[in-house]
Amino acid sequence: MKQTAHSSTDTTETTAAEPTPAEGRFTYQAEPDQPPSVAIVSAIAEQEDLDVLSVADELEPLYNVVDPTALDALFDVSSDAPELDRAGGSVTFAYAGRTVTVDTTGRVILERT
């Protein structure tokens, strides 16, 4: 949220701070061709400032909490279905000490629990 204060002689702008990853919420935008199952691990790696392979080795497998194939199919952007036929939506589940939300735009939201 951006606020601007005006006076006759000067303009001051203040910007509300976005929450930092340490404060518990992190948003990651997947690449257009990146499946959600890969985007989730990439998001956690970016949140923790780690290499993706390091994160994959340290976390429990994603398939222990959600079926990655089904998740990827649910948000498959290469589907032959016209975009208008696809309903918007999201999936939320617990993984690696976080609530993970993935939506149809490719956004991954991580919230520490």
PDB file of N, CA and C in Angstrom:
ATOM      1  N   MET A   1       0.847  -1.167   0.000  1.00  0.00           N
ATOM      2  CA  MET A   1       0.000   0.000   0.000  1.00  0.00           C
ATOM      3  C   MET A   1       0.891   1.228   0.000  1.00  0.00           C
ATOM      4  N   LYS A   2       0.637   2.118  -0.904  1.00  0.00           N
ATOM      5  CA  LYS A   2       1.453   3.319  -1.015  1.00  0.00           C
ATOM      6  C   LYS A   2       0.628   4.506  -0.571  1.00  0.00           C
ATOM      7  N   GLN A   3       1.204   5.290   0.302  1.00  0.00           N
ATOM      8  CA  GLN A   3       0.521   6.476   0.793  1.00  0.00           C
ATOM      9  C   GLN A   3       1.343   7.692   0.403  1.00  0.00           C
ATOM     10  N   THR A   4       0.667   8.733  -0.030  1.00  0.00           N
ATOM     11  CA  THR A   4       1.359   9.965  -0.382  1.00  0.00           C
ATOM     12  C   THR A   4       0.781  11.101   0.438  1.00  0.00           C
ATOM     13  N   ALA A   5       1.659  11.845   1.098  1.00  0.00           N
ATOM     14  CA  ALA A   5       1.232  13.008   1.885  1.00  0.00           C
ATOM     15  C   ALA A   5       1.637  14.253   1.112  1.00  0.00           C
ATOM     16  N   HIS A   6       0.704  15.143   0.901  1.00  0.00           N
ATOM     17  CA  HIS A   6       0.982  16.365   0.147  1.00  0.00           C
ATOM     18  C   HIS A   6       0.952  17.576   1.072  1.00  0.00           C
ATOM     19  N   SER A   7       1.876  18.482   0.848  1.00  0.00           N
ATOM     20  CA  SER A   7       1.849  19.782   1.515  1.00  0.00           C
ATOM     21  C   SER A   7       2.158  20.820   0.446  1.00  0.00           C
ATOM     22  N   SER A   8       2.108  22.061   0.813  1.00  0.00           N
ATOM     23  CA  SER A   8       2.337  23.114  -0.175  1.00  0.00           C
ATOM     24  C   SER A   8       3.776  23.141  -0.679  1.00  0.00           C
ATOM     25  N   THR A   9       4.722  22.573   0.089  1.00  0.00           N
ATOM     26  CA  THR A   9       6.118  22.677  -0.318  1.00  0.00           C
ATOM     27  C   THR A   9       6.774  21.350  -0.659  1.00  0.00           C
ATOM     28  N   ASP A  10       6.208  20.231  -0.185  1.00  0.00           N
ATOM     29  CA  ASP A  10       6.903  18.995  -0.500  1.00  0.00           C
ATOM     30  C   ASP A  10       5.944  17.814  -0.527  1.00  0.00           C
ATOM     31  N   THR A  11       6.388  16.750  -1.164  1.00  0.00           N
ATOM     32  CA  THR A  11       5.614  15.514  -1.250  1.00  0.00           C
ATOM     33  C   THR A  11       6.441  14.410  -0.614  1.00  0.00           C
ATOM     34  N   THR A  12       5.846  13.692   0.311  1.00  0.00           N
ATOM     35  CA  THR A  12       6.529  12.599   0.981  1.00  0.00           C
ATOM     36  C   THR A  12       5.779  11.313   0.694  1.00  0.00           C
ATOM     37  N   GLU A  13       6.515  10.280   0.300  1.00  0.00           N
ATOM     38  CA  GLU A  13       5.894   8.990   0.046  1.00  0.00           C
ATOM     39  C   GLU A  13       6.386   7.992   1.071  1.00  0.00           C
ATOM     40  N   THR A  14       5.461   7.195   1.583  1.00  0.00           N
ATOM     41  CA  THR A  14       5.830   6.097   2.458  1.00  0.00           C
ATOM     42  C   THR A  14       5.209   4.834   1.899  1.00  0.00           C
ATOM     43  N   THR A  15       5.935   3.769   1.973  1.00  0.00           N
ATOM     44  CA  THR A  15       5.451   2.494   1.471  1.00  0.00           C
ATOM     45  C   THR A  15       5.385   1.517   2.629  1.00  0.00           C
ATOM     46  N   ALA A  16       4.226   0.870   2.789  1.00  0.00           N
ATOM     47  CA  ALA A  16       4.089  -0.138   3.835  1.00  0.00           C
ATOM     48  C   ALA A  16       4.995  -1.310   3.482  1.00  0.00           C
ATOM     49  N   ALA A  17       5.714  -1.801   4.449  1.00  0.00           N
ATOM     50  CA  ALA A  17       6.647  -2.896   4.214  1.00  0.00           C
ATOM     51  C   ALA A  17       5.896  -4.191   3.946  1.00  0.00           C
ATOM     52  N   GLU A  18       6.390  -4.918   2.962  1.00  0.00           N
ATOM     53  CA  GLU A  18       5.859  -6.248   2.703  1.00  0.00           C
ATOM     54  C   GLU A  18       6.450  -7.178   3.758  1.00  0.00           C
ATOM     55  N   PRO A  19       5.696  -8.203   4.159  1.00  0.00           N
ATOM     56  CA  PRO A  19       6.254  -9.136   5.131  1.00  0.00           C
ATOM     57  C   PRO A  19       7.495  -9.816   4.552  1.00  0.00           C
ATOM     58  N   THR A  20       8.506  -9.992   5.359  1.00  0.00           N
ATOM     59  CA  THR A  20       9.700 -10.689   4.911  1.00  0.00           C
ATOM     60  C   THR A  20       9.483 -12.181   5.096  1.00  0.00           C
ATOM     61  N   PRO A  21      10.281 -13.021   4.398  1.00  0.00           N
ATOM     62  CA  PRO A  21      10.116 -14.458   4.556  1.00  0.00           C
ATOM     63  C   PRO A  21      10.192 -14.912   6.012  1.00  0.00           C
ATOM     64  N   ALA A  22      11.020 -14.264   6.809  1.00  0.00           N
ATOM     65  CA  ALA A  22      11.149 -14.647   8.211  1.00  0.00           C
ATOM     66  C   ALA A  22       9.877 -14.364   8.997  1.00  0.00           C
ATOM     67  N   GLU A  23       9.053 -13.430   8.505  1.00  0.00           N
ATOM     68  CA  GLU A  23       7.810 -13.107   9.195  1.00  0.00           C
ATOM     69  C   GLU A  23       6.708 -14.106   8.880  1.00  0.00           C
ATOM     70  N   GLY A  24       6.962 -15.040   7.987  1.00  0.00           N
ATOM     71  CA  GLY A  24       6.022 -16.120   7.812  1.00  0.00           C
ATOM     72  C   GLY A  24       5.309 -16.255   6.495  1.00  0.00           C
ATOM     73  N   ARG A  25       5.256 -15.250   5.649  1.00  0.00           N
ATOM     74  CA  ARG A  25       4.534 -15.375   4.375  1.00  0.00           C
ATOM     75  C   ARG A  25       5.487 -15.066   3.226  1.00  0.00           C
ATOM     76  N   PHE A  26       5.437 -15.916   2.219  1.00  0.00           N
ATOM     77  CA  PHE A  26       6.318 -15.763   1.068  1.00  0.00           C
ATOM     78  C   PHE A  26       5.526 -16.110  -0.186  1.00  0.00           C
ATOM     79  N   THR A  27       5.640 -15.297  -1.220  1.00  0.00           N
ATOM     80  CA  THR A  27       4.936 -15.542  -2.475  1.00  0.00           C
ATOM     81  C   THR A  27       5.952 -15.759  -3.587  1.00  0.00           C
ATOM     82  N   TYR A  28       5.728 -16.790  -4.355  1.00  0.00           N
ATOM     83  CA  TYR A  28       6.607 -17.158  -5.468  1.00  0.00           C
ATOM     84  C   TYR A  28       5.754 -17.261  -6.723  1.00  0.00           C
ATOM     85  N   GLN A  29       6.225 -16.704  -7.823  1.00  0.00           N
ATOM     86  CA  GLN A  29       5.515 -16.826  -9.099  1.00  0.00           C
ATOM     87  C   GLN A  29       6.260 -17.821  -9.970  1.00  0.00           C
ATOM     88  N   ALA A  30       5.610 -18.922 -10.292  1.00  0.00           N
ATOM     89  CA  ALA A  30       6.227 -19.960 -11.109  1.00  0.00           C
ATOM     90  C   ALA A  30       6.418 -19.475 -12.541  1.00  0.00           C
ATOM     91  N   GLU A  31       7.401 -20.039 -13.201  1.00  0.00           N
ATOM     92  CA  GLU A  31       7.590 -19.794 -14.629  1.00  0.00           C
ATOM     93  C   GLU A  31       6.401 -20.410 -15.366  1.00  0.00           C
ATOM     94  N   PRO A  32       6.050 -19.886 -16.539  1.00  0.00           N
ATOM     95  CA  PRO A  32       4.866 -20.389 -17.252  1.00  0.00           C
ATOM     96  C   PRO A  32       4.875 -21.896 -17.518  1.00  0.00           C
ATOM     97  N   ASP A  33       6.046 -22.477 -17.752  1.00  0.00           N
ATOM     98  CA  ASP A  33       6.116 -23.909 -18.041  1.00  0.00           C
ATOM     99  C   ASP A  33       6.543 -24.746 -16.831  1.00  0.00           C
ATOM    100  N   GLN A  34       6.571 -24.155 -15.658  1.00  0.00           N
ATOM    101  CA  GLN A  34       7.021 -24.845 -14.449  1.00  0.00           C
ATOM    102  C   GLN A  34       5.836 -25.523 -13.762  1.00  0.00           C
ATOM    103  N   PRO A  35       5.872 -26.852 -13.629  1.00  0.00           N
ATOM    104  CA  PRO A  35       4.769 -27.544 -12.956  1.00  0.00           C
ATOM    105  C   PRO A  35       4.699 -27.143 -11.478  1.00  0.00           C
ATOM    106  N   PRO A  36       3.512 -27.164 -10.895  1.00  0.00           N
ATOM    107  CA  PRO A  36       3.361 -26.788  -9.483  1.00  0.00           C
ATOM    108  C   PRO A  36       4.250 -27.596  -8.536  1.00  0.00           C
ATOM    109  N   SER A  37       4.419 -28.887  -8.803  1.00  0.00           N
ATOM    110  CA  SER A  37       5.244 -29.705  -7.907  1.00  0.00           C
ATOM    111  C   SER A  37       6.688 -29.208  -7.870  1.00  0.00           C
ATOM    112  N   VAL A  38       7.188 -28.717  -8.969  1.00  0.00           N
ATOM    113  CA  VAL A  38       8.544 -28.155  -9.028  1.00  0.00           C
ATOM    114  C   VAL A  38       8.549 -26.748  -8.437  1.00  0.00           C
ATOM    115  N   ALA A  39       7.503 -25.986  -8.717  1.00  0.00           N
ATOM    116  CA  ALA A  39       7.411 -24.610  -8.211  1.00  0.00           C
ATOM    117  C   ALA A  39       7.400 -24.575  -6.687  1.00  0.00           C
ATOM    118  N   ILE A  40       6.766 -25.549  -6.055  1.00  0.00           N
ATOM    119  CA  ILE A  40       6.703 -25.584  -4.585  1.00  0.00           C
ATOM    120  C   ILE A  40       8.099 -25.722  -3.996  1.00  0.00           C
ATOM    121  N   VAL A  41       8.874 -26.665  -4.511  1.00  0.00           N
ATOM    122  CA  VAL A  41      10.242 -26.858  -4.009  1.00  0.00           C
ATOM    123  C   VAL A  41      11.098 -25.637  -4.336  1.00  0.00           C
ATOM    124  N   SER A  42      10.913 -25.066  -5.514  1.00  0.00           N
ATOM    125  CA  SER A  42      11.654 -23.853  -5.887  1.00  0.00           C
ATOM    126  C   SER A  42      11.303 -22.686  -4.973  1.00  0.00           C
ATOM    127  N   ALA A  43      10.029 -22.575  -4.614  1.00  0.00           N
ATOM    128  CA  ALA A  43       9.587 -21.496  -3.716  1.00  0.00           C
ATOM    129  C   ALA A  43      10.240 -21.629  -2.347  1.00  0.00           C
ATOM    130  N   ILE A  44      10.256 -22.841  -1.815  1.00  0.00           N
ATOM    131  CA  ILE A  44      10.881 -23.054  -0.502  1.00  0.00           C
ATOM    132  C   ILE A  44      12.380 -22.770  -0.585  1.00  0.00           C
ATOM    133  N   ALA A  45      13.021 -23.191  -1.663  1.00  0.00           N
ATOM    134  CA  ALA A  45      14.452 -22.915  -1.836  1.00  0.00           C
ATOM    135  C   ALA A  45      14.713 -21.415  -1.857  1.00  0.00           C
ATOM    136  N   GLU A  46      13.884 -20.678  -2.585  1.00  0.00           N
ATOM    137  CA  GLU A  46      14.061 -19.223  -2.649  1.00  0.00           C
ATOM    138  C   GLU A  46      13.778 -18.580  -1.294  1.00  0.00           C
ATOM    139  N   GLN A  47      12.741 -19.060  -0.612  1.00  0.00           N
ATOM    140  CA  GLN A  47      12.400 -18.519   0.705  1.00  0.00           C
ATOM    141  C   GLN A  47      13.551 -18.710   1.686  1.00  0.00           C
ATOM    142  N   GLU A  48      14.181 -19.866   1.630  1.00  0.00           N
ATOM    143  CA  GLU A  48      15.265 -20.192   2.557  1.00  0.00           C
ATOM    144  C   GLU A  48      16.642 -19.788   2.024  1.00  0.00           C
ATOM    145  N   ASP A  49      16.689 -19.230   0.813  1.00  0.00           N
ATOM    146  CA  ASP A  49      17.942 -18.845   0.168  1.00  0.00           C
ATOM    147  C   ASP A  49      18.887 -20.042   0.057  1.00  0.00           C
ATOM    148  N   LEU A  50      18.335 -21.156  -0.442  1.00  0.00           N
ATOM    149  CA  LEU A  50      19.089 -22.389  -0.608  1.00  0.00           C
ATOM    150  C   LEU A  50      18.988 -22.866  -2.047  1.00  0.00           C
ATOM    151  N   ASP A  51      19.869 -23.775  -2.411  1.00  0.00           N
ATOM    152  CA  ASP A  51      19.816 -24.433  -3.702  1.00  0.00           C
ATOM    153  C   ASP A  51      18.632 -25.406  -3.714  1.00  0.00           C
ATOM    154  N   VAL A  52      17.981 -25.542  -4.856  1.00  0.00           N
ATOM    155  CA  VAL A  52      16.809 -26.428  -4.968  1.00  0.00           C
ATOM    156  C   VAL A  52      17.166 -27.858  -4.576  1.00  0.00           C
ATOM    157  N   LEU A  53      18.317 -28.346  -4.997  1.00  0.00           N
ATOM    158  CA  LEU A  53      18.701 -29.715  -4.659  1.00  0.00           C
ATOM    159  C   LEU A  53      18.912 -29.889  -3.161  1.00  0.00           C
ATOM    160  N   SER A  54      19.432 -28.880  -2.497  1.00  0.00           N
ATOM    161  CA  SER A  54      19.606 -28.944  -1.043  1.00  0.00           C
ATOM    162  C   SER A  54      18.262 -29.057  -0.346  1.00  0.00           C
ATOM    163  N   VAL A  55      17.304 -28.282  -0.810  1.00  0.00           N
ATOM    164  CA  VAL A  55      15.967 -28.312  -0.215  1.00  0.00           C
ATOM    165  C   VAL A  55      15.333 -29.672  -0.436  1.00  0.00           C
ATOM    166  N   ALA A  56      15.444 -30.198  -1.648  1.00  0.00           N
ATOM    167  CA  ALA A  56      14.855 -31.498  -1.955  1.00  0.00           C
ATOM    168  C   ALA A  56      15.450 -32.595  -1.079  1.00  0.00           C
ATOM    169  N   ASP A  57      16.739 -32.494  -0.770  1.00  0.00           N
ATOM    170  CA  ASP A  57      17.382 -33.493   0.087  1.00  0.00           C
ATOM    171  C   ASP A  57      16.966 -33.358   1.548  1.00  0.00           C
ATOM    172  N   GLU A  58      16.690 -32.141   1.999  1.00  0.00           N
ATOM    173  CA  GLU A  58      16.390 -31.894   3.409  1.00  0.00           C
ATOM    174  C   GLU A  58      14.927 -32.107   3.780  1.00  0.00           C
ATOM    175  N   LEU A  59      14.017 -31.927   2.847  1.00  0.00           N
ATOM    176  CA  LEU A  59      12.588 -32.029   3.150  1.00  0.00           C
ATOM    177  C   LEU A  59      12.073 -33.439   2.924  1.00  0.00           C
ATOM    178  N   GLU A  60      10.954 -33.736   3.578  1.00  0.00           N
ATOM    179  CA  GLU A  60      10.300 -34.999   3.266  1.00  0.00           C
ATOM    180  C   GLU A  60       9.805 -34.914   1.831  1.00  0.00           C
ATOM    181  N   PRO A  61       9.705 -36.042   1.147  1.00  0.00           N
ATOM    182  CA  PRO A  61       9.235 -35.994  -0.239  1.00  0.00           C
ATOM    183  C   PRO A  61       7.837 -35.384  -0.336  1.00  0.00           C
ATOM    184  N   LEU A  62       7.642 -34.561  -1.340  1.00  0.00           N
ATOM    185  CA  LEU A  62       6.350 -33.926  -1.559  1.00  0.00           C
ATOM    186  C   LEU A  62       5.249 -34.969  -1.715  1.00  0.00           C
ATOM    187  N   TYR A  63       5.584 -36.102  -2.337  1.00  0.00           N
ATOM    188  CA  TYR A  63       4.577 -37.141  -2.559  1.00  0.00           C
ATOM    189  C   TYR A  63       4.059 -37.771  -1.271  1.00  0.00           C
ATOM    190  N   ASN A  64       4.702 -37.487  -0.134  1.00  0.00           N
ATOM    191  CA  ASN A  64       4.179 -37.972   1.152  1.00  0.00           C
ATOM    192  C   ASN A  64       2.943 -37.197   1.599  1.00  0.00           C
ATOM    193  N   VAL A  65       2.736 -35.996   1.052  1.00  0.00           N
ATOM    194  CA  VAL A  65       1.601 -35.172   1.486  1.00  0.00           C
ATOM    195  C   VAL A  65       0.605 -34.860   0.373  1.00  0.00           C
ATOM    196  N   VAL A  66       1.045 -34.924  -0.872  1.00  0.00           N
ATOM    197  CA  VAL A  66       0.150 -34.651  -2.001  1.00  0.00           C
ATOM    198  C   VAL A  66       0.666 -35.431  -3.213  1.00  0.00           C
ATOM    199  N   ASP A  67      -0.227 -35.840  -4.071  1.00  0.00           N
ATOM    200  CA  ASP A  67       0.167 -36.547  -5.289  1.00  0.00           C
ATOM    201  C   ASP A  67       0.666 -35.517  -6.308  1.00  0.00           C
ATOM    202  N   PRO A  68       1.981 -35.454  -6.550  1.00  0.00           N
ATOM    203  CA  PRO A  68       2.520 -34.435  -7.455  1.00  0.00           C
ATOM    204  C   PRO A  68       1.971 -34.545  -8.878  1.00  0.00           C
ATOM    205  N   THR A  69       1.747 -35.769  -9.343  1.00  0.00           N
ATOM    206  CA  THR A  69       1.215 -35.954 -10.693  1.00  0.00           C
ATOM    207  C   THR A  69      -0.188 -35.382 -10.800  1.00  0.00           C
ATOM    208  N   ALA A  70      -1.013 -35.641  -9.799  1.00  0.00           N
ATOM    209  CA  ALA A  70      -2.382 -35.101  -9.792  1.00  0.00           C
ATOM    210  C   ALA A  70      -2.363 -33.582  -9.662  1.00  0.00           C
ATOM    211  N   LEU A  71      -1.481 -33.061  -8.813  1.00  0.00           N
ATOM    212  CA  LEU A  71      -1.369 -31.614  -8.641  1.00  0.00           C
ATOM    213  C   LEU A  71      -0.969 -30.945  -9.955  1.00  0.00           C
ATOM    214  N   ASP A  72       0.034 -31.510 -10.620  1.00  0.00           N
ATOM    215  CA  ASP A  72       0.484 -30.951 -11.895  1.00  0.00           C
ATOM    216  C   ASP A  72      -0.620 -31.029 -12.951  1.00  0.00           C
ATOM    217  N   ALA A  73      -1.353 -32.133 -12.976  1.00  0.00           N
ATOM    218  CA  ALA A  73      -2.439 -32.293 -13.953  1.00  0.00           C
ATOM    219  C   ALA A  73      -3.562 -31.292 -13.697  1.00  0.00           C
ATOM    220  N   LEU A  74      -3.817 -31.013 -12.434  1.00  0.00           N
ATOM    221  CA  LEU A  74      -4.880 -30.080 -12.076  1.00  0.00           C
ATOM    222  C   LEU A  74      -4.623 -28.684 -12.636  1.00  0.00           C
ATOM    223  N   PHE A  75      -3.356 -28.284 -12.646  1.00  0.00           N
ATOM    224  CA  PHE A  75      -2.986 -26.946 -13.111  1.00  0.00           C
ATOM    225  C   PHE A  75      -2.201 -26.986 -14.418  1.00  0.00           C
ATOM    226  N   ASP A  76      -2.414 -28.012 -15.228  1.00  0.00           N
ATOM    227  CA  ASP A  76      -1.675 -28.190 -16.481  1.00  0.00           C
ATOM    228  C   ASP A  76      -2.002 -27.082 -17.472  1.00  0.00           C
ATOM    229  N   VAL A  77      -1.025 -26.229 -17.729  1.00  0.00           N
ATOM    230  CA  VAL A  77      -1.240 -25.113 -18.652  1.00  0.00           C
ATOM    231  C   VAL A  77      -1.124 -25.538 -20.108  1.00  0.00           C
ATOM    232  N   SER A  78      -0.620 -26.730 -20.363  1.00  0.00           N
ATOM    233  CA  SER A  78      -0.486 -27.192 -21.743  1.00  0.00           C
ATOM    234  C   SER A  78      -1.720 -27.963 -22.200  1.00  0.00           C
ATOM    235  N   SER A  79      -2.722 -28.024 -21.356  1.00  0.00           N
ATOM    236  CA  SER A  79      -3.949 -28.745 -21.675  1.00  0.00           C
ATOM    237  C   SER A  79      -4.585 -28.184 -22.939  1.00  0.00           C
ATOM    238  N   ASP A  80      -5.273 -29.045 -23.672  1.00  0.00           N
ATOM    239  CA  ASP A  80      -5.971 -28.622 -24.886  1.00  0.00           C
ATOM    240  C   ASP A  80      -7.264 -27.883 -24.582  1.00  0.00           C
ATOM    241  N   ALA A  81      -7.695 -27.907 -23.329  1.00  0.00           N
ATOM    242  CA  ALA A  81      -8.948 -27.239 -22.967  1.00  0.00           C
ATOM    243  C   ALA A  81      -8.790 -25.733 -23.126  1.00  0.00           C
ATOM    244  N   PRO A  82      -9.769 -25.079 -23.756  1.00  0.00           N
ATOM    245  CA  PRO A  82      -9.696 -23.616 -23.862  1.00  0.00           C
ATOM    246  C   PRO A  82      -9.634 -22.973 -22.485  1.00  0.00           C
ATOM    247  N   GLU A  83      -8.934 -21.867 -22.401  1.00  0.00           N
ATOM    248  CA  GLU A  83      -8.747 -21.195 -21.113  1.00  0.00           C
ATOM    249  C   GLU A  83     -10.080 -20.839 -20.460  1.00  0.00           C
ATOM    250  N   LEU A  84     -11.072 -20.471 -21.267  1.00  0.00           N
ATOM    251  CA  LEU A  84     -12.365 -20.101 -20.700  1.00  0.00           C
ATOM    252  C   LEU A  84     -13.072 -21.282 -20.052  1.00  0.00           C
ATOM    253  N   ASP A  85     -12.714 -22.505 -20.472  1.00  0.00           N
ATOM    254  CA  ASP A  85     -13.352 -23.683 -19.895  1.00  0.00           C
ATOM    255  C   ASP A  85     -12.751 -24.072 -18.549  1.00  0.00           C
ATOM    256  N   ARG A  86     -11.621 -23.490 -18.212  1.00  0.00           N
ATOM    257  CA  ARG A  86     -10.970 -23.835 -16.943  1.00  0.00           C
ATOM    258  C   ARG A  86     -11.448 -22.913 -15.839  1.00  0.00           C
ATOM    259  N   ALA A  87     -11.854 -23.517 -14.755  1.00  0.00           N
ATOM    260  CA  ALA A  87     -12.280 -22.714 -13.604  1.00  0.00           C
ATOM    261  C   ALA A  87     -11.044 -22.308 -12.812  1.00  0.00           C
ATOM    262  N   GLY A  88     -11.032 -21.094 -12.298  1.00  0.00           N
ATOM    263  CA  GLY A  88      -9.948 -20.663 -11.422  1.00  0.00           C
ATOM    264  C   GLY A  88     -10.067 -21.409 -10.107  1.00  0.00           C
ATOM    265  N   GLY A  89      -8.979 -21.553  -9.434  1.00  0.00           N
ATOM    266  CA  GLY A  89      -9.035 -22.243  -8.157  1.00  0.00           C
ATOM    267  C   GLY A  89      -7.666 -22.342  -7.535  1.00  0.00           C
ATOM    268  N   SER A  90      -7.633 -22.996  -6.401  1.00  0.00           N
ATOM    269  CA  SER A  90      -6.372 -23.179  -5.690  1.00  0.00           C
ATOM    270  C   SER A  90      -6.438 -24.458  -4.874  1.00  0.00           C
ATOM    271  N   VAL A  91      -5.276 -24.919  -4.478  1.00  0.00           N
ATOM    272  CA  VAL A  91      -5.137 -26.080  -3.604  1.00  0.00           C
ATOM    273  C   VAL A  91      -4.260 -25.647  -2.443  1.00  0.00           C
ATOM    274  N   THR A  92      -4.670 -26.003  -1.234  1.00  0.00           N
ATOM    275  CA  THR A  92      -3.909 -25.662  -0.030  1.00  0.00           C
ATOM    276  C   THR A  92      -3.664 -26.930   0.774  1.00  0.00           C
ATOM    277  N   PHE A  93      -2.436 -27.082   1.259  1.00  0.00           N
ATOM    278  CA  PHE A  93      -2.083 -28.243   2.074  1.00  0.00           C
ATOM    279  C   PHE A  93      -0.881 -27.890   2.944  1.00  0.00           C
ATOM    280  N   ALA A  94      -0.630 -28.710   3.949  1.00  0.00           N
ATOM    281  CA  ALA A  94       0.510 -28.511   4.849  1.00  0.00           C
ATOM    282  C   ALA A  94       1.706 -29.291   4.315  1.00  0.00           C
ATOM    283  N   TYR A  95       2.872 -28.633   4.322  1.00  0.00           N
ATOM    284  CA  TYR A  95       4.103 -29.276   3.872  1.00  0.00           C
ATOM    285  C   TYR A  95       5.301 -28.537   4.450  1.00  0.00           C
ATOM    286  N   ALA A  96       6.212 -29.275   5.020  1.00  0.00           N
ATOM    287  CA  ALA A  96       7.496 -28.747   5.497  1.00  0.00           C
ATOM    288  C   ALA A  96       7.342 -27.570   6.455  1.00  0.00           C
ATOM    289  N   GLY A  97       6.397 -27.676   7.397  1.00  0.00           N
ATOM    290  CA  GLY A  97       6.208 -26.614   8.385  1.00  0.00           C
ATOM    291  C   GLY A  97       5.554 -25.370   7.832  1.00  0.00           C
ATOM    292  N   ARG A  98       4.870 -25.517   6.716  1.00  0.00           N
ATOM    293  CA  ARG A  98       4.224 -24.383   6.056  1.00  0.00           C
ATOM    294  C   ARG A  98       2.843 -24.788   5.560  1.00  0.00           C
ATOM    295  N   THR A  99       1.994 -23.801   5.407  1.00  0.00           N
ATOM    296  CA  THR A  99       0.773 -23.989   4.645  1.00  0.00           C
ATOM    297  C   THR A  99       1.114 -23.536   3.236  1.00  0.00           C
ATOM    298  N   VAL A 100       0.914 -24.428   2.270  1.00  0.00           N
ATOM    299  CA  VAL A 100       1.250 -24.161   0.876  1.00  0.00           C
ATOM    300  C   VAL A 100      -0.044 -23.968   0.100  1.00  0.00           C
ATOM    301  N   THR A 101      -0.138 -22.880  -0.639  1.00  0.00           N
ATOM    302  CA  THR A 101      -1.280 -22.647  -1.521  1.00  0.00           C
ATOM    303  C   THR A 101      -0.752 -22.442  -2.931  1.00  0.00           C
ATOM    304  N   VAL A 102      -1.306 -23.200  -3.866  1.00  0.00           N
ATOM    305  CA  VAL A 102      -0.962 -23.088  -5.278  1.00  0.00           C
ATOM    306  C   VAL A 102      -2.236 -22.695  -6.003  1.00  0.00           C
ATOM    307  N   ASP A 103      -2.139 -21.722  -6.919  1.00  0.00           N
ATOM    308  CA  ASP A 103      -3.351 -21.341  -7.650  1.00  0.00           C
ATOM    309  C   ASP A 103      -3.146 -21.433  -9.158  1.00  0.00           C
ATOM    310  N   THR A 104      -4.209 -21.186  -9.890  1.00  0.00           N
ATOM    311  CA  THR A 104      -4.196 -21.339 -11.344  1.00  0.00           C
ATOM    312  C   THR A 104      -3.306 -20.333 -12.060  1.00  0.00           C
ATOM    313  N   THR A 105      -2.857 -19.297 -11.388  1.00  0.00           N
ATOM    314  CA  THR A 105      -1.968 -18.310 -12.007  1.00  0.00           C
ATOM    315  C   THR A 105      -0.504 -18.716 -11.905  1.00  0.00           C
ATOM    316  N   GLY A 106      -0.221 -19.825 -11.202  1.00  0.00           N
ATOM    317  CA  GLY A 106       1.154 -20.250 -10.996  1.00  0.00           C
ATOM    318  C   GLY A 106       1.771 -19.670  -9.740  1.00  0.00           C
ATOM    319  N   ARG A 107       0.956 -19.002  -8.959  1.00  0.00           N
ATOM    320  CA  ARG A 107       1.454 -18.405  -7.714  1.00  0.00           C
ATOM    321  C   ARG A 107       1.495 -19.473  -6.622  1.00  0.00           C
ATOM    322  N   VAL A 108       2.599 -19.483  -5.881  1.00  0.00           N
ATOM    323  CA  VAL A 108       2.765 -20.368  -4.726  1.00  0.00           C
ATOM    324  C   VAL A 108       2.920 -19.467  -3.511  1.00  0.00           C
ATOM    325  N   ILE A 109       2.041 -19.644  -2.526  1.00  0.00           N
ATOM    326  CA  ILE A 109       2.111 -18.861  -1.292  1.00  0.00           C
ATOM    327  C   ILE A 109       2.505 -19.804  -0.170  1.00  0.00           C
ATOM    328  N   LEU A 110       3.555 -19.447   0.547  1.00  0.00           N
ATOM    329  CA  LEU A 110       4.042 -20.227   1.683  1.00  0.00           C
ATOM    330  C   LEU A 110       3.800 -19.428   2.951  1.00  0.00           C
ATOM    331  N   GLU A 111       3.159 -20.054   3.918  1.00  0.00           N
ATOM    332  CA  GLU A 111       2.952 -19.417   5.221  1.00  0.00           C
ATOM    333  C   GLU A 111       3.439 -20.377   6.293  1.00  0.00           C
ATOM    334  N   ARG A 112       4.372 -19.899   7.096  1.00  0.00           N
ATOM    335  CA  ARG A 112       4.899 -20.751   8.176  1.00  0.00           C
ATOM    336  C   ARG A 112       3.803 -21.050   9.187  1.00  0.00           C
ATOM    337  N   THR A 113       3.801 -22.301   9.659  1.00  0.00           N
ATOM    338  CA  THR A 113       2.792 -22.702  10.652  1.00  0.00           C
ATOM    339  C   THR A 113       3.408 -22.811  12.020  1.00  0.00           C
TER     340      THR A 113
END
